[in-house]
Amino acid sequence: MSNKQQTAVEWLAETLRFANKGLYAEMYEDIDQAKELEKQQIIGAHLTGLIHPLEMEATKQAEQYYNETFNQQP
């Protein structure tokens, strides 16, 4: 059983490939470059989470405080 998820760029590439093969073919190199950039961003975000877990938890708690204190629905 695979739990592979699809990135936004992969979704867009697949959508273009099925909807407009000509445009997909024209943009093939750009799509590959976007996939690589997205990969690096995901890796960087994951590493940041590993390196700075206390900061991330503090940010999450601060957001929760804000939402509970100031972002209440009337």
C-alpha atoms as a PDB file:
ATOM      1  CA  MET A   1       0.000   0.000   0.000  1.00  0.00           C
ATOM      2  CA  SER A   2       1.509   3.319  -1.079  1.00  0.00           C
ATOM      3  CA  ASN A   3       0.873   6.606   0.679  1.00  0.00           C
ATOM      4  CA  LYS A   4       2.667   8.727  -1.924  1.00  0.00           C
ATOM      5  CA  GLN A   5       1.239  12.201  -2.056  1.00  0.00           C
ATOM      6  CA  GLN A   6       1.183  14.490  -5.055  1.00  0.00           C
ATOM      7  CA  THR A   7       2.770  17.934  -4.930  1.00  0.00           C
ATOM      8  CA  ALA A   8       1.092  20.984  -6.426  1.00  0.00           C
ATOM      9  CA  VAL A   9       3.567  21.080  -9.312  1.00  0.00           C
ATOM     10  CA  GLU A  10       3.026  17.381 -10.020  1.00  0.00           C
ATOM     11  CA  TRP A  11      -0.728  17.959 -10.032  1.00  0.00           C
ATOM     12  CA  LEU A  12      -0.365  20.885 -12.455  1.00  0.00           C
ATOM     13  CA  ALA A  13       1.942  18.915 -14.737  1.00  0.00           C
ATOM     14  CA  GLU A  14      -0.477  15.990 -14.820  1.00  0.00           C
ATOM     15  CA  THR A  15      -3.411  18.307 -15.498  1.00  0.00           C
ATOM     16  CA  LEU A  16      -1.551  19.991 -18.366  1.00  0.00           C
ATOM     17  CA  ARG A  17      -0.430  16.662 -19.780  1.00  0.00           C
ATOM     18  CA  PHE A  18      -3.999  15.384 -20.040  1.00  0.00           C
ATOM     19  CA  ALA A  19      -5.692  18.686 -20.936  1.00  0.00           C
ATOM     20  CA  ASN A  20      -3.224  20.163 -23.404  1.00  0.00           C
ATOM     21  CA  LYS A  21      -0.436  17.882 -24.585  1.00  0.00           C
ATOM     22  CA  GLY A  22       1.011  20.576 -26.826  1.00  0.00           C
ATOM     23  CA  LEU A  23       1.385  23.067 -23.997  1.00  0.00           C
ATOM     24  CA  TYR A  24       2.792  20.349 -21.741  1.00  0.00           C
ATOM     25  CA  ALA A  25       5.404  19.482 -24.369  1.00  0.00           C
ATOM     26  CA  GLU A  26       6.375  23.150 -24.727  1.00  0.00           C
ATOM     27  CA  MET A  27       6.712  23.581 -20.974  1.00  0.00           C
ATOM     28  CA  TYR A  28       8.393  20.242 -20.201  1.00  0.00           C
ATOM     29  CA  GLU A  29      11.743  21.753 -19.154  1.00  0.00           C
ATOM     30  CA  ASP A  30      10.045  24.472 -17.089  1.00  0.00           C
ATOM     31  CA  ILE A  31       7.902  21.858 -15.359  1.00  0.00           C
ATOM     32  CA  ASP A  32      10.961  19.773 -14.498  1.00  0.00           C
ATOM     33  CA  GLN A  33      12.701  22.860 -13.114  1.00  0.00           C
ATOM     34  CA  ALA A  34       9.619  23.729 -11.036  1.00  0.00           C
ATOM     35  CA  LYS A  35       9.513  20.171  -9.675  1.00  0.00           C
ATOM     36  CA  GLU A  36      13.155  20.415  -8.615  1.00  0.00           C
ATOM     37  CA  LEU A  37      12.622  23.806  -6.958  1.00  0.00           C
ATOM     38  CA  GLU A  38       9.571  22.481  -5.126  1.00  0.00           C
ATOM     39  CA  LYS A  39      11.561  19.435  -3.992  1.00  0.00           C
ATOM     40  CA  GLN A  40      14.271  21.667  -2.539  1.00  0.00           C
ATOM     41  CA  GLN A  41      11.646  23.802  -0.760  1.00  0.00           C
ATOM     42  CA  ILE A  42      10.024  20.732   0.784  1.00  0.00           C
ATOM     43  CA  ILE A  43      13.383  19.372   1.928  1.00  0.00           C
ATOM     44  CA  GLY A  44      14.305  22.768   3.388  1.00  0.00           C
ATOM     45  CA  ALA A  45      11.018  23.055   5.249  1.00  0.00           C
ATOM     46  CA  HIS A  46      11.428  19.565   6.676  1.00  0.00           C
ATOM     47  CA  LEU A  47      14.978  20.304   7.814  1.00  0.00           C
ATOM     48  CA  THR A  48      13.827  23.556   9.417  1.00  0.00           C
ATOM     49  CA  GLY A  49      11.245  21.579  11.352  1.00  0.00           C
ATOM     50  CA  LEU A  50      13.904  19.165  12.560  1.00  0.00           C
ATOM     51  CA  ILE A  51      16.378  21.874  13.500  1.00  0.00           C
ATOM     52  CA  HIS A  52      13.935  24.332  15.095  1.00  0.00           C
ATOM     53  CA  PRO A  53      11.146  22.267  16.705  1.00  0.00           C
ATOM     54  CA  LEU A  54      10.884  24.519  19.776  1.00  0.00           C
ATOM     55  CA  GLU A  55      10.470  27.628  17.643  1.00  0.00           C
ATOM     56  CA  MET A  56       7.830  25.900  15.552  1.00  0.00           C
ATOM     57  CA  GLU A  57       5.924  24.782  18.658  1.00  0.00           C
ATOM     58  CA  ALA A  58       6.103  28.314  20.059  1.00  0.00           C
ATOM     59  CA  THR A  59       4.768  29.700  16.773  1.00  0.00           C
ATOM     60  CA  LYS A  60       1.933  27.179  16.804  1.00  0.00           C
ATOM     61  CA  GLN A  61       1.041  28.107  20.377  1.00  0.00           C
ATOM     62  CA  ALA A  62       1.178  31.822  19.537  1.00  0.00           C
ATOM     63  CA  GLU A  63      -1.172  31.306  16.585  1.00  0.00           C
ATOM     64  CA  GLN A  64      -3.532  29.299  18.764  1.00  0.00           C
ATOM     65  CA  TYR A  65      -3.508  32.078  21.393  1.00  0.00           C
ATOM     66  CA  TYR A  66      -4.237  34.695  18.726  1.00  0.00           C
ATOM     67  CA  ASN A  67      -7.064  32.676  17.208  1.00  0.00           C
ATOM     68  CA  GLU A  68      -8.646  31.990  20.579  1.00  0.00           C
ATOM     69  CA  THR A  69      -8.256  35.565  21.813  1.00  0.00           C
ATOM     70  CA  PHE A  70      -8.792  37.785  18.766  1.00  0.00           C
ATOM     71  CA  ASN A  71     -10.196  35.688  15.948  1.00  0.00           C
ATOM     72  CA  GLN A  72     -13.535  34.794  17.479  1.00  0.00           C
ATOM     73  CA  GLN A  73     -16.640  34.572  15.346  1.00  0.00           C
ATOM     74  CA  PRO A  74     -19.496  36.913  16.405  1.00  0.00           C
END
